[in-house]
Amino acid sequence: MDSMADEFSGFEGLENDPKAMGQMMRKMGKEMGEDLPPEFDDVVDRLELGQSPEEIESALPDLGGEAGSGDDE
C-alpha cells in the first residue's frame, strides 16, 4: 500500500488530464487485485480516450447506482 501511495501522490492536477487519470485508475485497479465491475473499465476506457469526468457522468447517468438516491421525504 505504501508503494501505491508514493506512486499516486501526484494525484493533484489529474482532474485536468483525463488520460493520465484513466491510466492511474487502471494501474490502481490492477494493484488492488480485486474483480472490479465492468463499469470501472468503461469509465477508465473513456478517460483514456480523453473524455472528462463530467462528460462520462452525463453519458452514464446511472453509473453511481442507487447509493446516493435515498428517499428522505
PDB file of N, CA and C in Angstrom:
ATOM      1  N   MET A   1       0.821  -1.194   0.000  1.00  0.00           N
ATOM      2  CA  MET A   1       0.000   0.000   0.000  1.00  0.00           C
ATOM      3  C   MET A   1       0.861   1.251   0.000  1.00  0.00           C
ATOM      4  N   ASP A   2       1.961   1.232   0.750  1.00  0.00           N
ATOM      5  CA  ASP A   2       2.819   2.407   0.801  1.00  0.00           C
ATOM      6  C   ASP A   2       3.387   2.738  -0.572  1.00  0.00           C
ATOM      7  N   SER A   3       3.745   1.705  -1.338  1.00  0.00           N
ATOM      8  CA  SER A   3       4.280   1.960  -2.673  1.00  0.00           C
ATOM      9  C   SER A   3       3.229   2.590  -3.569  1.00  0.00           C
ATOM     10  N   MET A   4       1.962   2.162  -3.414  1.00  0.00           N
ATOM     11  CA  MET A   4       0.885   2.782  -4.185  1.00  0.00           C
ATOM     12  C   MET A   4       0.703   4.231  -3.773  1.00  0.00           C
ATOM     13  N   ALA A   5       0.765   4.507  -2.492  1.00  0.00           N
ATOM     14  CA  ALA A   5       0.594   5.870  -2.008  1.00  0.00           C
ATOM     15  C   ALA A   5       1.698   6.762  -2.546  1.00  0.00           C
ATOM     16  N   ASP A   6       2.926   6.267  -2.554  1.00  0.00           N
ATOM     17  CA  ASP A   6       4.034   7.050  -3.095  1.00  0.00           C
ATOM     18  C   ASP A   6       3.853   7.292  -4.584  1.00  0.00           C
ATOM     19  N   GLU A   7       3.455   6.245  -5.297  1.00  0.00           N
ATOM     20  CA  GLU A   7       3.320   6.345  -6.745  1.00  0.00           C
ATOM     21  C   GLU A   7       2.199   7.290  -7.149  1.00  0.00           C
ATOM     22  N   PHE A   8       1.121   7.299  -6.369  1.00  0.00           N
ATOM     23  CA  PHE A   8      -0.036   8.099  -6.733  1.00  0.00           C
ATOM     24  C   PHE A   8      -0.138   9.390  -5.929  1.00  0.00           C
ATOM     25  N   SER A   9       0.966   9.793  -5.300  1.00  0.00           N
ATOM     26  CA  SER A   9       0.926  11.021  -4.508  1.00  0.00           C
ATOM     27  C   SER A   9       0.761  12.243  -5.396  1.00  0.00           C
ATOM     28  N   GLY A  10       1.044  12.135  -6.667  1.00  0.00           N
ATOM     29  CA  GLY A  10       0.880  13.241  -7.602  1.00  0.00           C
ATOM     30  C   GLY A  10      -0.525  13.315  -8.157  1.00  0.00           C
ATOM     31  N   PHE A  11      -1.503  13.007  -7.340  1.00  0.00           N
ATOM     32  CA  PHE A  11      -2.910  12.978  -7.749  1.00  0.00           C
ATOM     33  C   PHE A  11      -3.410  14.373  -8.142  1.00  0.00           C
ATOM     34  N   GLU A  12      -2.797  15.415  -7.549  1.00  0.00           N
ATOM     35  CA  GLU A  12      -3.214  16.775  -7.856  1.00  0.00           C
ATOM     36  C   GLU A  12      -3.008  17.055  -9.346  1.00  0.00           C
ATOM     37  N   GLY A  13      -3.943  17.753  -9.932  1.00  0.00           N
ATOM     38  CA  GLY A  13      -3.834  18.131 -11.331  1.00  0.00           C
ATOM     39  C   GLY A  13      -4.407  17.117 -12.297  1.00  0.00           C
ATOM     40  N   LEU A  14      -4.716  15.908 -11.834  1.00  0.00           N
ATOM     41  CA  LEU A  14      -5.247  14.895 -12.740  1.00  0.00           C
ATOM     42  C   LEU A  14      -6.636  15.253 -13.244  1.00  0.00           C
ATOM     43  N   GLU A  15      -7.366  16.091 -12.486  1.00  0.00           N
ATOM     44  CA  GLU A  15      -8.701  16.468 -12.943  1.00  0.00           C
ATOM     45  C   GLU A  15      -8.644  17.211 -14.274  1.00  0.00           C
ATOM     46  N   ASN A  16      -7.476  17.746 -14.608  1.00  0.00           N
ATOM     47  CA  ASN A  16      -7.308  18.453 -15.876  1.00  0.00           C
ATOM     48  C   ASN A  16      -6.688  17.568 -16.955  1.00  0.00           C
ATOM     49  N   ASP A  17      -6.408  16.320 -16.627  1.00  0.00           N
ATOM     50  CA  ASP A  17      -5.783  15.401 -17.575  1.00  0.00           C
ATOM     51  C   ASP A  17      -6.480  14.045 -17.503  1.00  0.00           C
ATOM     52  N   PRO A  18      -7.623  13.916 -18.222  1.00  0.00           N
ATOM     53  CA  PRO A  18      -8.394  12.669 -18.145  1.00  0.00           C
ATOM     54  C   PRO A  18      -7.596  11.431 -18.539  1.00  0.00           C
ATOM     55  N   LYS A  19      -6.712  11.562 -19.527  1.00  0.00           N
ATOM     56  CA  LYS A  19      -5.934  10.396 -19.956  1.00  0.00           C
ATOM     57  C   LYS A  19      -5.030   9.903 -18.832  1.00  0.00           C
ATOM     58  N   ALA A  20      -4.344  10.824 -18.159  1.00  0.00           N
ATOM     59  CA  ALA A  20      -3.472  10.439 -17.048  1.00  0.00           C
ATOM     60  C   ALA A  20      -4.292   9.875 -15.899  1.00  0.00           C
ATOM     61  N   MET A  21      -5.477  10.445 -15.666  1.00  0.00           N
ATOM     62  CA  MET A  21      -6.349   9.947 -14.605  1.00  0.00           C
ATOM     63  C   MET A  21      -6.777   8.512 -14.916  1.00  0.00           C
ATOM     64  N   GLY A  22      -7.144   8.253 -16.162  1.00  0.00           N
ATOM     65  CA  GLY A  22      -7.545   6.911 -16.565  1.00  0.00           C
ATOM     66  C   GLY A  22      -6.420   5.910 -16.410  1.00  0.00           C
ATOM     67  N   GLN A  23      -5.211   6.298 -16.815  1.00  0.00           N
ATOM     68  CA  GLN A  23      -4.067   5.403 -16.684  1.00  0.00           C
ATOM     69  C   GLN A  23      -3.780   5.100 -15.217  1.00  0.00           C
ATOM     70  N   MET A  24      -3.876   6.130 -14.369  1.00  0.00           N
ATOM     71  CA  MET A  24      -3.636   5.943 -12.947  1.00  0.00           C
ATOM     72  C   MET A  24      -4.698   5.023 -12.344  1.00  0.00           C
ATOM     73  N   MET A  25      -5.968   5.225 -12.741  1.00  0.00           N
ATOM     74  CA  MET A  25      -7.049   4.398 -12.210  1.00  0.00           C
ATOM     75  C   MET A  25      -6.903   2.940 -12.653  1.00  0.00           C
ATOM     76  N   ARG A  26      -6.505   2.735 -13.912  1.00  0.00           N
ATOM     77  CA  ARG A  26      -6.323   1.362 -14.402  1.00  0.00           C
ATOM     78  C   ARG A  26      -5.213   0.664 -13.613  1.00  0.00           C
ATOM     79  N   LYS A  27      -4.115   1.364 -13.404  1.00  0.00           N
ATOM     80  CA  LYS A  27      -2.999   0.782 -12.670  1.00  0.00           C
ATOM     81  C   LYS A  27      -3.395   0.503 -11.222  1.00  0.00           C
ATOM     82  N   MET A  28      -4.126   1.433 -10.619  1.00  0.00           N
ATOM     83  CA  MET A  28      -4.570   1.255  -9.241  1.00  0.00           C
ATOM     84  C   MET A  28      -5.516   0.057  -9.134  1.00  0.00           C
ATOM     85  N   GLY A  29      -6.405  -0.089 -10.121  1.00  0.00           N
ATOM     86  CA  GLY A  29      -7.327  -1.223 -10.128  1.00  0.00           C
ATOM     87  C   GLY A  29      -6.594  -2.552 -10.202  1.00  0.00           C
ATOM     88  N   LYS A  30      -5.538  -2.598 -11.020  1.00  0.00           N
ATOM     89  CA  LYS A  30      -4.750  -3.832 -11.126  1.00  0.00           C
ATOM     90  C   LYS A  30      -3.994  -4.104  -9.838  1.00  0.00           C
ATOM     91  N   GLU A  31      -3.475  -3.046  -9.217  1.00  0.00           N
ATOM     92  CA  GLU A  31      -2.717  -3.200  -7.962  1.00  0.00           C
ATOM     93  C   GLU A  31      -3.605  -3.750  -6.848  1.00  0.00           C
ATOM     94  N   MET A  32      -4.893  -3.387  -6.862  1.00  0.00           N
ATOM     95  CA  MET A  32      -5.811  -3.839  -5.816  1.00  0.00           C
ATOM     96  C   MET A  32      -6.037  -5.334  -5.899  1.00  0.00           C
ATOM     97  N   GLY A  33      -5.955  -5.899  -7.098  1.00  0.00           N
ATOM     98  CA  GLY A  33      -6.098  -7.330  -7.260  1.00  0.00           C
ATOM     99  C   GLY A  33      -7.508  -7.846  -7.063  1.00  0.00           C
ATOM    100  N   GLU A  34      -8.483  -6.968  -7.090  1.00  0.00           N
ATOM    101  CA  GLU A  34      -9.882  -7.383  -6.922  1.00  0.00           C
ATOM    102  C   GLU A  34     -10.595  -7.320  -8.265  1.00  0.00           C
ATOM    103  N   ASP A  35     -11.668  -8.113  -8.378  1.00  0.00           N
ATOM    104  CA  ASP A  35     -12.501  -8.029  -9.566  1.00  0.00           C
ATOM    105  C   ASP A  35     -13.339  -6.768  -9.474  1.00  0.00           C
ATOM    106  N   LEU A  36     -13.181  -5.902 -10.443  1.00  0.00           N
ATOM    107  CA  LEU A  36     -13.934  -4.656 -10.463  1.00  0.00           C
ATOM    108  C   LEU A  36     -15.088  -4.786 -11.451  1.00  0.00           C
ATOM    109  N   PRO A  37     -16.160  -4.052 -11.233  1.00  0.00           N
ATOM    110  CA  PRO A  37     -17.311  -4.158 -12.133  1.00  0.00           C
ATOM    111  C   PRO A  37     -16.952  -3.656 -13.529  1.00  0.00           C
ATOM    112  N   PRO A  38     -17.684  -4.122 -14.538  1.00  0.00           N
ATOM    113  CA  PRO A  38     -17.406  -3.709 -15.920  1.00  0.00           C
ATOM    114  C   PRO A  38     -17.506  -2.198 -16.104  1.00  0.00           C
ATOM    115  N   GLU A  39     -18.313  -1.546 -15.278  1.00  0.00           N
ATOM    116  CA  GLU A  39     -18.449  -0.092 -15.377  1.00  0.00           C
ATOM    117  C   GLU A  39     -17.112   0.609 -15.107  1.00  0.00           C
ATOM    118  N   PHE A  40     -16.312   0.011 -14.248  1.00  0.00           N
ATOM    119  CA  PHE A  40     -14.994   0.589 -13.957  1.00  0.00           C
ATOM    120  C   PHE A  40     -14.172   0.658 -15.235  1.00  0.00           C
ATOM    121  N   ASP A  41     -14.130  -0.460 -15.978  1.00  0.00           N
ATOM    122  CA  ASP A  41     -13.369  -0.480 -17.227  1.00  0.00           C
ATOM    123  C   ASP A  41     -13.940   0.500 -18.233  1.00  0.00           C
ATOM    124  N   ASP A  42     -15.259   0.633 -18.285  1.00  0.00           N
ATOM    125  CA  ASP A  42     -15.895   1.568 -19.210  1.00  0.00           C
ATOM    126  C   ASP A  42     -15.462   2.997 -18.901  1.00  0.00           C
ATOM    127  N   VAL A  43     -15.480   3.357 -17.632  1.00  0.00           N
ATOM    128  CA  VAL A  43     -15.084   4.709 -17.225  1.00  0.00           C
ATOM    129  C   VAL A  43     -13.604   4.943 -17.542  1.00  0.00           C
ATOM    130  N   VAL A  44     -12.760   3.976 -17.201  1.00  0.00           N
ATOM    131  CA  VAL A  44     -11.322   4.121 -17.439  1.00  0.00           C
ATOM    132  C   VAL A  44     -11.048   4.225 -18.940  1.00  0.00           C
ATOM    133  N   ASP A  45     -11.713   3.406 -19.746  1.00  0.00           N
ATOM    134  CA  ASP A  45     -11.548   3.485 -21.201  1.00  0.00           C
ATOM    135  C   ASP A  45     -11.900   4.881 -21.703  1.00  0.00           C
ATOM    136  N   ARG A  46     -13.013   5.424 -21.215  1.00  0.00           N
ATOM    137  CA  ARG A  46     -13.450   6.752 -21.644  1.00  0.00           C
ATOM    138  C   ARG A  46     -12.458   7.829 -21.221  1.00  0.00           C
ATOM    139  N   LEU A  47     -11.939   7.714 -20.005  1.00  0.00           N
ATOM    140  CA  LEU A  47     -10.931   8.671 -19.543  1.00  0.00           C
ATOM    141  C   LEU A  47      -9.690   8.611 -20.432  1.00  0.00           C
ATOM    142  N   GLU A  48      -9.240   7.398 -20.730  1.00  0.00           N
ATOM    143  CA  GLU A  48      -8.042   7.238 -21.557  1.00  0.00           C
ATOM    144  C   GLU A  48      -8.246   7.758 -22.975  1.00  0.00           C
ATOM    145  N   LEU A  49      -9.494   7.830 -23.408  1.00  0.00           N
ATOM    146  CA  LEU A  49      -9.798   8.421 -24.714  1.00  0.00           C
ATOM    147  C   LEU A  49      -9.892   9.948 -24.645  1.00  0.00           C
ATOM    148  N   GLY A  50      -9.814  10.482 -23.419  1.00  0.00           N
ATOM    149  CA  GLY A  50      -9.800  11.930 -23.261  1.00  0.00           C
ATOM    150  C   GLY A  50     -11.104  12.546 -22.819  1.00  0.00           C
ATOM    151  N   GLN A  51     -12.121  11.728 -22.525  1.00  0.00           N
ATOM    152  CA  GLN A  51     -13.385  12.283 -22.043  1.00  0.00           C
ATOM    153  C   GLN A  51     -13.203  12.794 -20.619  1.00  0.00           C
ATOM    154  N   SER A  52     -13.816  13.934 -20.338  1.00  0.00           N
ATOM    155  CA  SER A  52     -13.747  14.482 -18.988  1.00  0.00           C
ATOM    156  C   SER A  52     -14.691  13.708 -18.076  1.00  0.00           C
ATOM    157  N   PRO A  53     -14.438  13.756 -16.771  1.00  0.00           N
ATOM    158  CA  PRO A  53     -15.359  13.101 -15.837  1.00  0.00           C
ATOM    159  C   PRO A  53     -16.793  13.611 -15.987  1.00  0.00           C
ATOM    160  N   GLU A  54     -16.947  14.882 -16.289  1.00  0.00           N
ATOM    161  CA  GLU A  54     -18.293  15.443 -16.478  1.00  0.00           C
ATOM    162  C   GLU A  54     -18.973  14.844 -17.700  1.00  0.00           C
ATOM    163  N   GLU A  55     -18.214  14.663 -18.790  1.00  0.00           N
ATOM    164  CA  GLU A  55     -18.777  14.044 -19.994  1.00  0.00           C
ATOM    165  C   GLU A  55     -19.188  12.606 -19.715  1.00  0.00           C
ATOM    166  N   ILE A  56     -18.367  11.898 -18.975  1.00  0.00           N
ATOM    167  CA  ILE A  56     -18.663  10.500 -18.646  1.00  0.00           C
ATOM    168  C   ILE A  56     -19.903  10.431 -17.770  1.00  0.00           C
ATOM    169  N   GLU A  57     -19.987  11.317 -16.795  1.00  0.00           N
ATOM    170  CA  GLU A  57     -21.144  11.322 -15.893  1.00  0.00           C
ATOM    171  C   GLU A  57     -22.435  11.593 -16.652  1.00  0.00           C
ATOM    172  N   SER A  58     -22.392  12.498 -17.627  1.00  0.00           N
ATOM    173  CA  SER A  58     -23.612  12.780 -18.382  1.00  0.00           C
ATOM    174  C   SER A  58     -23.944  11.651 -19.357  1.00  0.00           C
ATOM    175  N   ALA A  59     -22.922  10.939 -19.845  1.00  0.00           N
ATOM    176  CA  ALA A  59     -23.153   9.823 -20.764  1.00  0.00           C
ATOM    177  C   ALA A  59     -23.621   8.567 -20.033  1.00  0.00           C
ATOM    178  N   LEU A  60     -23.240   8.444 -18.763  1.00  0.00           N
ATOM    179  CA  LEU A  60     -23.584   7.262 -17.963  1.00  0.00           C
ATOM    180  C   LEU A  60     -24.280   7.706 -16.682  1.00  0.00           C
ATOM    181  N   PRO A  61     -25.491   8.238 -16.785  1.00  0.00           N
ATOM    182  CA  PRO A  61     -26.149   8.810 -15.601  1.00  0.00           C
ATOM    183  C   PRO A  61     -26.423   7.807 -14.485  1.00  0.00           C
ATOM    184  N   ASP A  62     -26.533   6.536 -14.794  1.00  0.00           N
ATOM    185  CA  ASP A  62     -26.822   5.522 -13.777  1.00  0.00           C
ATOM    186  C   ASP A  62     -25.558   4.936 -13.166  1.00  0.00           C
ATOM    187  N   LEU A  63     -24.414   5.509 -13.486  1.00  0.00           N
ATOM    188  CA  LEU A  63     -23.144   4.959 -13.051  1.00  0.00           C
ATOM    189  C   LEU A  63     -23.030   4.862 -11.530  1.00  0.00           C
ATOM    190  N   GLY A  64     -23.542   5.849 -10.817  1.00  0.00           N
ATOM    191  CA  GLY A  64     -23.436   5.849  -9.374  1.00  0.00           C
ATOM    192  C   GLY A  64     -24.376   4.885  -8.693  1.00  0.00           C
ATOM    193  N   GLY A  65     -25.227   4.237  -9.454  1.00  0.00           N
ATOM    194  CA  GLY A  65     -26.190   3.304  -8.876  1.00  0.00           C
ATOM    195  C   GLY A  65     -27.196   4.052  -8.025  1.00  0.00           C
ATOM    196  N   GLU A  66     -27.739   3.366  -7.047  1.00  0.00           N
ATOM    197  CA  GLU A  66     -28.753   3.980  -6.196  1.00  0.00           C
ATOM    198  C   GLU A  66     -28.211   4.313  -4.815  1.00  0.00           C
ATOM    199  N   ALA A  67     -26.905   4.292  -4.672  1.00  0.00           N
ATOM    200  CA  ALA A  67     -26.303   4.510  -3.351  1.00  0.00           C
ATOM    201  C   ALA A  67     -26.643   5.877  -2.772  1.00  0.00           C
ATOM    202  N   GLY A  68     -26.718   6.895  -3.613  1.00  0.00           N
ATOM    203  CA  GLY A  68     -26.975   8.231  -3.090  1.00  0.00           C
ATOM    204  C   GLY A  68     -28.372   8.729  -3.347  1.00  0.00           C
ATOM    205  N   SER A  69     -29.306   7.844  -3.647  1.00  0.00           N
ATOM    206  CA  SER A  69     -30.642   8.302  -4.022  1.00  0.00           C
ATOM    207  C   SER A  69     -31.684   7.907  -2.987  1.00  0.00           C
ATOM    208  N   GLY A  70     -31.323   8.046  -1.737  1.00  0.00           N
ATOM    209  CA  GLY A  70     -32.278   7.660  -0.688  1.00  0.00           C
ATOM    210  C   GLY A  70     -33.445   8.612  -0.631  1.00  0.00           C
ATOM    211  N   ASP A  71     -34.613   8.114  -0.293  1.00  0.00           N
ATOM    212  CA  ASP A  71     -35.817   8.940  -0.175  1.00  0.00           C
ATOM    213  C   ASP A  71     -35.920   9.450   1.242  1.00  0.00           C
ATOM    214  N   ASP A  72     -35.554  10.705   1.435  1.00  0.00           N
ATOM    215  CA  ASP A  72     -35.614  11.292   2.764  1.00  0.00           C
ATOM    216  C   ASP A  72     -36.913  12.048   2.984  1.00  0.00           C
ATOM    217  N   GLU A  73     -37.752  12.092   1.997  1.00  0.00           N
ATOM    218  CA  GLU A  73     -39.007  12.862   2.102  1.00  0.00           C
ATOM    219  C   GLU A  73     -40.132  12.035   2.622  1.00  0.00           C
TER     220      GLU A  73
END
